[in-house]
Amino acid sequence: MGELEHPSSPEIDPMRASARFLSIKEDNKNWIAEGVILCSDEKFGIKGTPCGDVLASLTNYGTKWGLSTRALGDVDESTGQVKDLQLCTIDTVTNPSIGEMVSSDGDRFVNGILESK
């Protein structure tokens, strides 16, 4: 599960969960994730999480958002490299810290598709 924006703790708080990732795979230099927004769906009687409902509302109104990893590791002070990196989760964020690095299509935000089941 990923949270809406990065919290100050590495632990995942289910009350702040906004998305659940079903799969993540690497495609050349891009990472492709398949997931669901944890939002309410009256049609199927599903109650979403508060942050999932917020993310769904933002998405429905055209807000762009991205994914950002949350990880722990030891920084080597002399080289600045991170050792023993441990991925905690991937969070949904409105301002991904990807800087100038963008995906092959020039976008640093999620290109989502809506599926009905």
PDB file of N, CA and C in Angstrom:
ATOM      1  N   MET A   1       0.844  -1.189   0.000  1.00  0.00           N
ATOM      2  CA  MET A   1       0.000   0.000   0.000  1.00  0.00           C
ATOM      3  C   MET A   1       0.876   1.234   0.000  1.00  0.00           C
ATOM      4  N   GLY A   2       0.414   2.242  -0.680  1.00  0.00           N
ATOM      5  CA  GLY A   2       1.094   3.523  -0.677  1.00  0.00           C
ATOM      6  C   GLY A   2       0.206   4.577  -0.035  1.00  0.00           C
ATOM      7  N   GLU A   3       0.843   5.569   0.577  1.00  0.00           N
ATOM      8  CA  GLU A   3       0.112   6.627   1.249  1.00  0.00           C
ATOM      9  C   GLU A   3       0.021   7.872   0.374  1.00  0.00           C
ATOM     10  N   LEU A   4      -0.928   8.732   0.716  1.00  0.00           N
ATOM     11  CA  LEU A   4      -1.068  10.021   0.035  1.00  0.00           C
ATOM     12  C   LEU A   4      -0.029  10.962   0.615  1.00  0.00           C
ATOM     13  N   GLU A   5       0.923  11.387  -0.218  1.00  0.00           N
ATOM     14  CA  GLU A   5       2.084  12.185   0.184  1.00  0.00           C
ATOM     15  C   GLU A   5       2.953  11.370   1.154  1.00  0.00           C
ATOM     16  N   HIS A   6       4.213  11.783   1.301  1.00  0.00           N
ATOM     17  CA  HIS A   6       5.148  11.071   2.175  1.00  0.00           C
ATOM     18  C   HIS A   6       4.933  11.457   3.633  1.00  0.00           C
ATOM     19  N   PRO A   7       4.769  10.476   4.497  1.00  0.00           N
ATOM     20  CA  PRO A   7       4.714  10.779   5.924  1.00  0.00           C
ATOM     21  C   PRO A   7       6.137  10.893   6.474  1.00  0.00           C
ATOM     22  N   SER A   8       6.268  11.194   7.748  1.00  0.00           N
ATOM     23  CA  SER A   8       7.587  11.324   8.359  1.00  0.00           C
ATOM     24  C   SER A   8       8.144   9.983   8.833  1.00  0.00           C
ATOM     25  N   SER A   9       7.332   8.934   8.813  1.00  0.00           N
ATOM     26  CA  SER A   9       7.745   7.623   9.304  1.00  0.00           C
ATOM     27  C   SER A   9       7.869   6.629   8.148  1.00  0.00           C
ATOM     28  N   PRO A  10       8.781   5.657   8.261  1.00  0.00           N
ATOM     29  CA  PRO A  10       8.881   4.648   7.201  1.00  0.00           C
ATOM     30  C   PRO A  10       7.762   3.602   7.247  1.00  0.00           C
ATOM     31  N   GLU A  11       7.080   3.483   8.395  1.00  0.00           N
ATOM     32  CA  GLU A  11       6.011   2.504   8.511  1.00  0.00           C
ATOM     33  C   GLU A  11       4.783   2.955   7.729  1.00  0.00           C
ATOM     34  N   ILE A  12       4.080   1.997   7.160  1.00  0.00           N
ATOM     35  CA  ILE A  12       2.864   2.293   6.411  1.00  0.00           C
ATOM     36  C   ILE A  12       1.694   2.375   7.386  1.00  0.00           C
ATOM     37  N   ASP A  13       0.964   3.480   7.315  1.00  0.00           N
ATOM     38  CA  ASP A  13      -0.222   3.688   8.145  1.00  0.00           C
ATOM     39  C   ASP A  13      -1.448   3.390   7.282  1.00  0.00           C
ATOM     40  N   PRO A  14      -2.162   2.283   7.558  1.00  0.00           N
ATOM     41  CA  PRO A  14      -3.329   1.938   6.739  1.00  0.00           C
ATOM     42  C   PRO A  14      -4.382   3.041   6.670  1.00  0.00           C
ATOM     43  N   MET A  15      -4.455   3.891   7.706  1.00  0.00           N
ATOM     44  CA  MET A  15      -5.432   4.985   7.702  1.00  0.00           C
ATOM     45  C   MET A  15      -5.074   6.059   6.668  1.00  0.00           C
ATOM     46  N   ARG A  16      -3.812   6.087   6.210  1.00  0.00           N
ATOM     47  CA  ARG A  16      -3.380   7.069   5.219  1.00  0.00           C
ATOM     48  C   ARG A  16      -3.193   6.433   3.832  1.00  0.00           C
ATOM     49  N   ALA A  17      -3.539   5.161   3.702  1.00  0.00           N
ATOM     50  CA  ALA A  17      -3.358   4.458   2.431  1.00  0.00           C
ATOM     51  C   ALA A  17      -4.229   5.089   1.349  1.00  0.00           C
ATOM     52  N   SER A  18      -3.647   5.270   0.176  1.00  0.00           N
ATOM     53  CA  SER A  18      -4.389   5.842  -0.945  1.00  0.00           C
ATOM     54  C   SER A  18      -4.433   4.895  -2.141  1.00  0.00           C
ATOM     55  N   ALA A  19      -3.478   3.972  -2.215  1.00  0.00           N
ATOM     56  CA  ALA A  19      -3.410   3.062  -3.362  1.00  0.00           C
ATOM     57  C   ALA A  19      -2.818   1.728  -2.932  1.00  0.00           C
ATOM     58  N   ARG A  20      -3.164   0.710  -3.676  1.00  0.00           N
ATOM     59  CA  ARG A  20      -2.583  -0.620  -3.487  1.00  0.00           C
ATOM     60  C   ARG A  20      -1.985  -1.029  -4.821  1.00  0.00           C
ATOM     61  N   PHE A  21      -0.722  -1.430  -4.780  1.00  0.00           N
ATOM     62  CA  PHE A  21      -0.034  -1.813  -6.009  1.00  0.00           C
ATOM     63  C   PHE A  21      -0.089  -3.321  -6.185  1.00  0.00           C
ATOM     64  N   LEU A  22      -0.533  -3.732  -7.374  1.00  0.00           N
ATOM     65  CA  LEU A  22      -0.716  -5.146  -7.680  1.00  0.00           C
ATOM     66  C   LEU A  22       0.527  -5.746  -8.321  1.00  0.00           C
ATOM     67  N   SER A  23       1.246  -4.924  -9.098  1.00  0.00           N
ATOM     68  CA  SER A  23       2.480  -5.393  -9.733  1.00  0.00           C
ATOM     69  C   SER A  23       3.350  -4.189 -10.084  1.00  0.00           C
ATOM     70  N   ILE A  24       4.638  -4.435 -10.086  1.00  0.00           N
ATOM     71  CA  ILE A  24       5.611  -3.415 -10.493  1.00  0.00           C
ATOM     72  C   ILE A  24       6.666  -4.130 -11.320  1.00  0.00           C
ATOM     73  N   LYS A  25       6.955  -3.599 -12.518  1.00  0.00           N
ATOM     74  CA  LYS A  25       7.977  -4.226 -13.353  1.00  0.00           C
ATOM     75  C   LYS A  25       8.797  -3.157 -14.050  1.00  0.00           C
ATOM     76  N   GLU A  26      10.021  -3.529 -14.390  1.00  0.00           N
ATOM     77  CA  GLU A  26      10.917  -2.611 -15.089  1.00  0.00           C
ATOM     78  C   GLU A  26      10.791  -2.848 -16.590  1.00  0.00           C
ATOM     79  N   ASP A  27      10.731  -1.751 -17.349  1.00  0.00           N
ATOM     80  CA  ASP A  27      10.675  -1.802 -18.798  1.00  0.00           C
ATOM     81  C   ASP A  27      11.725  -0.825 -19.307  1.00  0.00           C
ATOM     82  N   ASN A  28      12.904  -1.365 -19.642  1.00  0.00           N
ATOM     83  CA  ASN A  28      14.043  -0.551 -20.032  1.00  0.00           C
ATOM     84  C   ASN A  28      14.427   0.325 -18.843  1.00  0.00           C
ATOM     85  N   LYS A  29      14.280   1.635 -18.918  1.00  0.00           N
ATOM     86  CA  LYS A  29      14.619   2.504 -17.789  1.00  0.00           C
ATOM     87  C   LYS A  29      13.372   3.045 -17.100  1.00  0.00           C
ATOM     88  N   ASN A  30      12.221   2.551 -17.484  1.00  0.00           N
ATOM     89  CA  ASN A  30      10.958   2.968 -16.868  1.00  0.00           C
ATOM     90  C   ASN A  30      10.436   1.857 -15.970  1.00  0.00           C
ATOM     91  N   TRP A  31       9.741   2.255 -14.932  1.00  0.00           N
ATOM     92  CA  TRP A  31       9.063   1.299 -14.064  1.00  0.00           C
ATOM     93  C   TRP A  31       7.572   1.438 -14.300  1.00  0.00           C
ATOM     94  N   ILE A  32       6.909   0.316 -14.472  1.00  0.00           N
ATOM     95  CA  ILE A  32       5.476   0.305 -14.738  1.00  0.00           C
ATOM     96  C   ILE A  32       4.785  -0.391 -13.574  1.00  0.00           C
ATOM     97  N   ALA A  33       3.851   0.332 -12.963  1.00  0.00           N
ATOM     98  CA  ALA A  33       3.110  -0.220 -11.829  1.00  0.00           C
ATOM     99  C   ALA A  33       1.645  -0.367 -12.213  1.00  0.00           C
ATOM    100  N   GLU A  34       1.055  -1.442 -11.732  1.00  0.00           N
ATOM    101  CA  GLU A  34      -0.383  -1.629 -11.872  1.00  0.00           C
ATOM    102  C   GLU A  34      -0.956  -1.582 -10.471  1.00  0.00           C
ATOM    103  N   GLY A  35      -1.946  -0.747 -10.287  1.00  0.00           N
ATOM    104  CA  GLY A  35      -2.516  -0.622  -8.959  1.00  0.00           C
ATOM    105  C   GLY A  35      -3.921  -0.077  -9.003  1.00  0.00           C
ATOM    106  N   VAL A  36      -4.490   0.077  -7.830  1.00  0.00           N
ATOM    107  CA  VAL A  36      -5.834   0.609  -7.705  1.00  0.00           C
ATOM    108  C   VAL A  36      -5.846   1.715  -6.666  1.00  0.00           C
ATOM    109  N   ILE A  37      -6.658   2.719  -6.918  1.00  0.00           N
ATOM    110  CA  ILE A  37      -6.903   3.752  -5.923  1.00  0.00           C
ATOM    111  C   ILE A  37      -7.926   3.185  -4.944  1.00  0.00           C
ATOM    112  N   LEU A  38      -7.651   3.307  -3.671  1.00  0.00           N
ATOM    113  CA  LEU A  38      -8.511   2.733  -2.630  1.00  0.00           C
ATOM    114  C   LEU A  38      -9.670   3.673  -2.324  1.00  0.00           C
ATOM    115  N   CYS A  39     -10.562   3.835  -3.307  1.00  0.00           N
ATOM    116  CA  CYS A  39     -11.669   4.784  -3.178  1.00  0.00           C
ATOM    117  C   CYS A  39     -13.006   4.061  -3.055  1.00  0.00           C
ATOM    118  N   SER A  40     -13.978   4.783  -2.569  1.00  0.00           N
ATOM    119  CA  SER A  40     -15.325   4.244  -2.415  1.00  0.00           C
ATOM    120  C   SER A  40     -15.975   4.045  -3.779  1.00  0.00           C
ATOM    121  N   ASP A  41     -16.817   3.028  -3.864  1.00  0.00           N
ATOM    122  CA  ASP A  41     -17.575   2.754  -5.083  1.00  0.00           C
ATOM    123  C   ASP A  41     -18.969   2.315  -4.655  1.00  0.00           C
ATOM    124  N   GLU A  42     -19.895   3.268  -4.696  1.00  0.00           N
ATOM    125  CA  GLU A  42     -21.268   2.988  -4.246  1.00  0.00           C
ATOM    126  C   GLU A  42     -21.925   1.869  -5.044  1.00  0.00           C
ATOM    127  N   LYS A  43     -21.593   1.781  -6.326  1.00  0.00           N
ATOM    128  CA  LYS A  43     -22.198   0.770  -7.192  1.00  0.00           C
ATOM    129  C   LYS A  43     -21.946  -0.640  -6.662  1.00  0.00           C
ATOM    130  N   PHE A  44     -20.740  -0.869  -6.123  1.00  0.00           N
ATOM    131  CA  PHE A  44     -20.384  -2.194  -5.625  1.00  0.00           C
ATOM    132  C   PHE A  44     -20.376  -2.262  -4.092  1.00  0.00           C
ATOM    133  N   GLY A  45     -20.789  -1.187  -3.424  1.00  0.00           N
ATOM    134  CA  GLY A  45     -20.836  -1.173  -1.970  1.00  0.00           C
ATOM    135  C   GLY A  45     -19.472  -1.191  -1.307  1.00  0.00           C
ATOM    136  N   ILE A  46     -18.488  -0.631  -1.980  1.00  0.00           N
ATOM    137  CA  ILE A  46     -17.122  -0.616  -1.448  1.00  0.00           C
ATOM    138  C   ILE A  46     -16.875   0.702  -0.731  1.00  0.00           C
ATOM    139  N   LYS A  47     -16.391   0.622   0.501  1.00  0.00           N
ATOM    140  CA  LYS A  47     -16.011   1.822   1.249  1.00  0.00           C
ATOM    141  C   LYS A  47     -14.508   1.981   1.108  1.00  0.00           C
ATOM    142  N   GLY A  48     -14.085   3.121   0.599  1.00  0.00           N
ATOM    143  CA  GLY A  48     -12.671   3.390   0.403  1.00  0.00           C
ATOM    144  C   GLY A  48     -12.020   3.956   1.650  1.00  0.00           C
ATOM    145  N   THR A  49     -10.735   4.174   1.553  1.00  0.00           N
ATOM    146  CA  THR A  49     -10.012   4.827   2.640  1.00  0.00           C
ATOM    147  C   THR A  49     -10.173   6.334   2.476  1.00  0.00           C
ATOM    148  N   PRO A  50     -10.033   7.110   3.556  1.00  0.00           N
ATOM    149  CA  PRO A  50     -10.150   8.568   3.410  1.00  0.00           C
ATOM    150  C   PRO A  50      -9.173   9.139   2.374  1.00  0.00           C
ATOM    151  N   CYS A  51      -7.914   8.711   2.418  1.00  0.00           N
ATOM    152  CA  CYS A  51      -6.927   9.237   1.460  1.00  0.00           C
ATOM    153  C   CYS A  51      -7.164   8.706   0.054  1.00  0.00           C
ATOM    154  N   GLY A  52      -7.716   7.489  -0.058  1.00  0.00           N
ATOM    155  CA  GLY A  52      -8.068   6.951  -1.369  1.00  0.00           C
ATOM    156  C   GLY A  52      -9.185   7.757  -1.998  1.00  0.00           C
ATOM    157  N   ASP A  53     -10.167   8.157  -1.186  1.00  0.00           N
ATOM    158  CA  ASP A  53     -11.256   8.989  -1.699  1.00  0.00           C
ATOM    159  C   ASP A  53     -10.741  10.369  -2.123  1.00  0.00           C
ATOM    160  N   VAL A  54      -9.800  10.929  -1.358  1.00  0.00           N
ATOM    161  CA  VAL A  54      -9.211  12.226  -1.736  1.00  0.00           C
ATOM    162  C   VAL A  54      -8.467  12.090  -3.056  1.00  0.00           C
ATOM    163  N   LEU A  55      -7.635  11.041  -3.206  1.00  0.00           N
ATOM    164  CA  LEU A  55      -6.873  10.853  -4.441  1.00  0.00           C
ATOM    165  C   LEU A  55      -7.811  10.642  -5.628  1.00  0.00           C
ATOM    166  N   ALA A  56      -8.883   9.881  -5.440  1.00  0.00           N
ATOM    167  CA  ALA A  56      -9.844   9.661  -6.525  1.00  0.00           C
ATOM    168  C   ALA A  56     -10.517  10.968  -6.927  1.00  0.00           C
ATOM    169  N   SER A  57     -10.878  11.783  -5.950  1.00  0.00           N
ATOM    170  CA  SER A  57     -11.507  13.065  -6.250  1.00  0.00           C
ATOM    171  C   SER A  57     -10.546  13.969  -7.013  1.00  0.00           C
ATOM    172  N   LEU A  58      -9.303  14.045  -6.558  1.00  0.00           N
ATOM    173  CA  LEU A  58      -8.303  14.862  -7.263  1.00  0.00           C
ATOM    174  C   LEU A  58      -8.135  14.372  -8.701  1.00  0.00           C
ATOM    175  N   THR A  59      -8.086  13.057  -8.872  1.00  0.00           N
ATOM    176  CA  THR A  59      -7.926  12.468 -10.204  1.00  0.00           C
ATOM    177  C   THR A  59      -9.124  12.805 -11.089  1.00  0.00           C
ATOM    178  N   ASN A  60     -10.328  12.664 -10.537  1.00  0.00           N
ATOM    179  CA  ASN A  60     -11.546  12.951 -11.309  1.00  0.00           C
ATOM    180  C   ASN A  60     -11.612  14.403 -11.759  1.00  0.00           C
ATOM    181  N   TYR A  61     -11.005  15.306 -10.999  1.00  0.00           N
ATOM    182  CA  TYR A  61     -10.997  16.721 -11.367  1.00  0.00           C
ATOM    183  C   TYR A  61      -9.755  17.124 -12.149  1.00  0.00           C
ATOM    184  N   GLY A  62      -9.000  16.134 -12.616  1.00  0.00           N
ATOM    185  CA  GLY A  62      -7.893  16.401 -13.523  1.00  0.00           C
ATOM    186  C   GLY A  62      -6.560  16.720 -12.885  1.00  0.00           C
ATOM    187  N   THR A  63      -6.433  16.532 -11.578  1.00  0.00           N
ATOM    188  CA  THR A  63      -5.160  16.796 -10.916  1.00  0.00           C
ATOM    189  C   THR A  63      -4.141  15.731 -11.311  1.00  0.00           C
ATOM    190  N   LYS A  64      -2.956  16.177 -11.694  1.00  0.00           N
ATOM    191  CA  LYS A  64      -1.881  15.248 -12.023  1.00  0.00           C
ATOM    192  C   LYS A  64      -1.164  14.862 -10.740  1.00  0.00           C
ATOM    193  N   TRP A  65      -0.793  13.605 -10.605  1.00  0.00           N
ATOM    194  CA  TRP A  65      -0.038  13.130  -9.456  1.00  0.00           C
ATOM    195  C   TRP A  65       0.951  12.077  -9.922  1.00  0.00           C
ATOM    196  N   GLY A  66       1.941  11.843  -9.095  1.00  0.00           N
ATOM    197  CA  GLY A  66       2.980  10.890  -9.458  1.00  0.00           C
ATOM    198  C   GLY A  66       3.206   9.884  -8.353  1.00  0.00           C
ATOM    199  N   LEU A  67       4.195   9.035  -8.577  1.00  0.00           N
ATOM    200  CA  LEU A  67       4.573   8.021  -7.603  1.00  0.00           C
ATOM    201  C   LEU A  67       5.979   8.328  -7.117  1.00  0.00           C
ATOM    202  N   SER A  68       6.213   8.086  -5.844  1.00  0.00           N
ATOM    203  CA  SER A  68       7.518   8.357  -5.256  1.00  0.00           C
ATOM    204  C   SER A  68       7.861   7.253  -4.266  1.00  0.00           C
ATOM    205  N   THR A  69       9.056   6.712  -4.390  1.00  0.00           N
ATOM    206  CA  THR A  69       9.460   5.638  -3.490  1.00  0.00           C
ATOM    207  C   THR A  69       9.789   6.187  -2.105  1.00  0.00           C
ATOM    208  N   ARG A  70       9.517   5.355  -1.112  1.00  0.00           N
ATOM    209  CA  ARG A  70       9.911   5.653   0.273  1.00  0.00           C
ATOM    210  C   ARG A  70      10.806   4.495   0.693  1.00  0.00           C
ATOM    211  N   ALA A  71      12.041   4.825   1.053  1.00  0.00           N
ATOM    212  CA  ALA A  71      13.013   3.781   1.342  1.00  0.00           C
ATOM    213  C   ALA A  71      13.915   4.179   2.508  1.00  0.00           C
ATOM    214  N   LEU A  72      14.564   3.177   3.066  1.00  0.00           N
ATOM    215  CA  LEU A  72      15.544   3.374   4.125  1.00  0.00           C
ATOM    216  C   LEU A  72      16.894   2.870   3.637  1.00  0.00           C
ATOM    217  N   GLY A  73      17.966   3.454   4.148  1.00  0.00           N
ATOM    218  CA  GLY A  73      19.298   2.997   3.797  1.00  0.00           C
ATOM    219  C   GLY A  73      20.336   3.779   4.560  1.00  0.00           C
ATOM    220  N   ASP A  74      21.579   3.374   4.417  1.00  0.00           N
ATOM    221  CA  ASP A  74      22.709   4.048   5.055  1.00  0.00           C
ATOM    222  C   ASP A  74      23.445   4.864   4.006  1.00  0.00           C
ATOM    223  N   VAL A  75      23.634   6.154   4.294  1.00  0.00           N
ATOM    224  CA  VAL A  75      24.348   7.033   3.366  1.00  0.00           C
ATOM    225  C   VAL A  75      25.824   7.037   3.726  1.00  0.00           C
ATOM    226  N   ASP A  76      26.669   6.720   2.752  1.00  0.00           N
ATOM    227  CA  ASP A  76      28.112   6.790   2.933  1.00  0.00           C
ATOM    228  C   ASP A  76      28.501   8.260   2.860  1.00  0.00           C
ATOM    229  N   GLU A  77      28.972   8.821   3.957  1.00  0.00           N
ATOM    230  CA  GLU A  77      29.278  10.254   4.038  1.00  0.00           C
ATOM    231  C   GLU A  77      30.348  10.682   3.040  1.00  0.00           C
ATOM    232  N   SER A  78      31.283   9.812   2.719  1.00  0.00           N
ATOM    233  CA  SER A  78      32.371  10.201   1.811  1.00  0.00           C
ATOM    234  C   SER A  78      31.942  10.199   0.346  1.00  0.00           C
ATOM    235  N   THR A  79      31.040   9.292  -0.032  1.00  0.00           N
ATOM    236  CA  THR A  79      30.639   9.195  -1.445  1.00  0.00           C
ATOM    237  C   THR A  79      29.225   9.704  -1.700  1.00  0.00           C
ATOM    238  N   GLY A  80      28.395   9.760  -0.650  1.00  0.00           N
ATOM    239  CA  GLY A  80      27.006  10.160  -0.821  1.00  0.00           C
ATOM    240  C   GLY A  80      26.126   9.051  -1.355  1.00  0.00           C
ATOM    241  N   GLN A  81      26.707   7.854  -1.553  1.00  0.00           N
ATOM    242  CA  GLN A  81      25.937   6.728  -2.065  1.00  0.00           C
ATOM    243  C   GLN A  81      25.170   6.055  -0.933  1.00  0.00           C
ATOM    244  N   VAL A  82      24.017   5.504  -1.284  1.00  0.00           N
ATOM    245  CA  VAL A  82      23.185   4.802  -0.312  1.00  0.00           C
ATOM    246  C   VAL A  82      23.504   3.312  -0.373  1.00  0.00           C
ATOM    247  N   LYS A  83      23.741   2.756   0.808  1.00  0.00           N
ATOM    248  CA  LYS A  83      24.010   1.320   0.906  1.00  0.00           C
ATOM    249  C   LYS A  83      22.865   0.667   1.667  1.00  0.00           C
ATOM    250  N   ASP A  84      22.670  -0.609   1.437  1.00  0.00           N
ATOM    251  CA  ASP A  84      21.635  -1.386   2.118  1.00  0.00           C
ATOM    252  C   ASP A  84      20.258  -0.732   1.963  1.00  0.00           C
ATOM    253  N   LEU A  85      19.946  -0.329   0.747  1.00  0.00           N
ATOM    254  CA  LEU A  85      18.664   0.316   0.467  1.00  0.00           C
ATOM    255  C   LEU A  85      17.535  -0.688   0.626  1.00  0.00           C
ATOM    256  N   GLN A  86      16.509  -0.291   1.375  1.00  0.00           N
ATOM    257  CA  GLN A  86      15.335  -1.141   1.584  1.00  0.00           C
ATOM    258  C   GLN A  86      14.097  -0.342   1.211  1.00  0.00           C
ATOM    259  N   LEU A  87      13.401  -0.784   0.174  1.00  0.00           N
ATOM    260  CA  LEU A  87      12.183  -0.123  -0.273  1.00  0.00           C
ATOM    261  C   LEU A  87      11.073  -0.392   0.734  1.00  0.00           C
ATOM    262  N   CYS A  88      10.447   0.673   1.233  1.00  0.00           N
ATOM    263  CA  CYS A  88       9.324   0.536   2.166  1.00  0.00           C
ATOM    264  C   CYS A  88       8.012   0.454   1.400  1.00  0.00           C
ATOM    265  N   THR A  89       7.811   1.402   0.490  1.00  0.00           N
ATOM    266  CA  THR A  89       6.579   1.435  -0.296  1.00  0.00           C
ATOM    267  C   THR A  89       6.730   2.476  -1.404  1.00  0.00           C
ATOM    268  N   ILE A  90       5.668   2.654  -2.139  1.00  0.00           N
ATOM    269  CA  ILE A  90       5.577   3.700  -3.152  1.00  0.00           C
ATOM    270  C   ILE A  90       4.375   4.547  -2.773  1.00  0.00           C
ATOM    271  N   ASP A  91       4.587   5.854  -2.640  1.00  0.00           N
ATOM    272  CA  ASP A  91       3.517   6.759  -2.236  1.00  0.00           C
ATOM    273  C   ASP A  91       2.992   7.535  -3.442  1.00  0.00           C
ATOM    274  N   THR A  92       1.747   7.977  -3.347  1.00  0.00           N
ATOM    275  CA  THR A  92       1.140   8.838  -4.359  1.00  0.00           C
ATOM    276  C   THR A  92       1.370  10.284  -3.920  1.00  0.00           C
ATOM    277  N   VAL A  93       1.987  11.076  -4.790  1.00  0.00           N
ATOM    278  CA  VAL A  93       2.376  12.439  -4.422  1.00  0.00           C
ATOM    279  C   VAL A  93       1.984  13.421  -5.520  1.00  0.00           C
ATOM    280  N   THR A  94       1.748  14.664  -5.130  1.00  0.00           N
ATOM    281  CA  THR A  94       1.389  15.686  -6.118  1.00  0.00           C
ATOM    282  C   THR A  94       2.605  16.366  -6.723  1.00  0.00           C
ATOM    283  N   ASN A  95       3.768  16.207  -6.104  1.00  0.00           N
ATOM    284  CA  ASN A  95       4.981  16.826  -6.626  1.00  0.00           C
ATOM    285  C   ASN A  95       6.134  15.831  -6.556  1.00  0.00           C
ATOM    286  N   PRO A  96       6.223  14.907  -7.525  1.00  0.00           N
ATOM    287  CA  PRO A  96       7.294  13.908  -7.490  1.00  0.00           C
ATOM    288  C   PRO A  96       8.665  14.557  -7.539  1.00  0.00           C
ATOM    289  N   SER A  97       9.582  14.069  -6.722  1.00  0.00           N
ATOM    290  CA  SER A  97      10.925  14.662  -6.658  1.00  0.00           C
ATOM    291  C   SER A  97      11.848  14.047  -7.691  1.00  0.00           C
ATOM    292  N   ILE A  98      11.357  13.935  -8.889  1.00  0.00           N
ATOM    293  CA  ILE A  98      12.132  13.313  -9.960  1.00  0.00           C
ATOM    294  C   ILE A  98      12.991  14.347 -10.695  1.00  0.00           C
ATOM    295  N   GLY A  99      12.806  15.619 -10.361  1.00  0.00           N
ATOM    296  CA  GLY A  99      13.627  16.666 -10.974  1.00  0.00           C
ATOM    297  C   GLY A  99      13.479  16.704 -12.474  1.00  0.00           C
ATOM    298  N   GLU A 100      14.613  16.737 -13.161  1.00  0.00           N
ATOM    299  CA  GLU A 100      14.605  16.812 -14.617  1.00  0.00           C
ATOM    300  C   GLU A 100      14.428  15.445 -15.266  1.00  0.00           C
ATOM    301  N   MET A 101      14.542  14.385 -14.479  1.00  0.00           N
ATOM    302  CA  MET A 101      14.375  13.048 -15.043  1.00  0.00           C
ATOM    303  C   MET A 101      12.899  12.811 -15.306  1.00  0.00           C
ATOM    304  N   VAL A 102      12.573  12.428 -16.501  1.00  0.00           N
ATOM    305  CA  VAL A 102      11.180  12.159 -16.852  1.00  0.00           C
ATOM    306  C   VAL A 102      11.110  10.853 -17.618  1.00  0.00           C
ATOM    307  N   SER A 103       9.917  10.325 -17.757  1.00  0.00           N
ATOM    308  CA  SER A 103       9.745   9.088 -18.500  1.00  0.00           C
ATOM    309  C   SER A 103       9.994   9.321 -19.987  1.00  0.00           C
ATOM    310  N   SER A 104      10.014   8.231 -20.732  1.00  0.00           N
ATOM    311  CA  SER A 104      10.314   8.322 -22.160  1.00  0.00           C
ATOM    312  C   SER A 104       9.299   9.167 -22.914  1.00  0.00           C
ATOM    313  N   ASP A 105       8.092   9.329 -22.380  1.00  0.00           N
ATOM    314  CA  ASP A 105       7.105  10.163 -23.059  1.00  0.00           C
ATOM    315  C   ASP A 105       7.147  11.611 -22.561  1.00  0.00           C
ATOM    316  N   GLY A 106       8.161  11.944 -21.730  1.00  0.00           N
ATOM    317  CA  GLY A 106       8.340  13.319 -21.290  1.00  0.00           C
ATOM    318  C   GLY A 106       7.474  13.719 -20.112  1.00  0.00           C
ATOM    319  N   ASP A 107       6.857  12.759 -19.453  1.00  0.00           N
ATOM    320  CA  ASP A 107       5.937  13.072 -18.357  1.00  0.00           C
ATOM    321  C   ASP A 107       6.447  12.436 -17.075  1.00  0.00           C
ATOM    322  N   ARG A 108       6.393  13.185 -15.970  1.00  0.00           N
ATOM    323  CA  ARG A 108       6.815  12.632 -14.684  1.00  0.00           C
ATOM    324  C   ARG A 108       5.624  12.263 -13.812  1.00  0.00           C
ATOM    325  N   PHE A 109       4.436  12.336 -14.376  1.00  0.00           N
ATOM    326  CA  PHE A 109       3.228  12.021 -13.627  1.00  0.00           C
ATOM    327  C   PHE A 109       2.614  10.722 -14.135  1.00  0.00           C
ATOM    328  N   VAL A 110       1.715  10.182 -13.351  1.00  0.00           N
ATOM    329  CA  VAL A 110       1.068   8.919 -13.685  1.00  0.00           C
ATOM    330  C   VAL A 110       0.205   9.078 -14.926  1.00  0.00           C
ATOM    331  N   ASN A 111       0.331   8.138 -15.831  1.00  0.00           N
ATOM    332  CA  ASN A 111      -0.552   8.041 -16.985  1.00  0.00           C
ATOM    333  C   ASN A 111      -1.493   6.883 -16.695  1.00  0.00           C
ATOM    334  N   GLY A 112      -2.579   7.181 -16.022  1.00  0.00           N
ATOM    335  CA  GLY A 112      -3.485   6.138 -15.584  1.00  0.00           C
ATOM    336  C   GLY A 112      -4.525   5.782 -16.622  1.00  0.00           C
ATOM    337  N   ILE A 113      -5.063   4.598 -16.463  1.00  0.00           N
ATOM    338  CA  ILE A 113      -6.186   4.175 -17.289  1.00  0.00           C
ATOM    339  C   ILE A 113      -7.275   3.704 -16.348  1.00  0.00           C
ATOM    340  N   LEU A 114      -8.500   3.936 -16.722  1.00  0.00           N
ATOM    341  CA  LEU A 114      -9.643   3.557 -15.909  1.00  0.00           C
ATOM    342  C   LEU A 114     -10.224   2.267 -16.466  1.00  0.00           C
ATOM    343  N   GLU A 115     -10.305   1.265 -15.612  1.00  0.00           N
ATOM    344  CA  GLU A 115     -10.887   0.007 -16.022  1.00  0.00           C
ATOM    345  C   GLU A 115     -12.112  -0.280 -15.184  1.00  0.00           C
ATOM    346  N   SER A 116     -13.119  -0.840 -15.789  1.00  0.00           N
ATOM    347  CA  SER A 116     -14.311  -1.272 -15.056  1.00  0.00           C
ATOM    348  C   SER A 116     -14.348  -2.793 -15.085  1.00  0.00           C
ATOM    349  N   LYS A 117     -14.663  -3.377 -13.934  1.00  0.00           N
ATOM    350  CA  LYS A 117     -14.729  -4.849 -13.870  1.00  0.00           C
ATOM    351  C   LYS A 117     -16.101  -5.265 -13.452  1.00  0.00           C
TER     352      LYS A 117
END
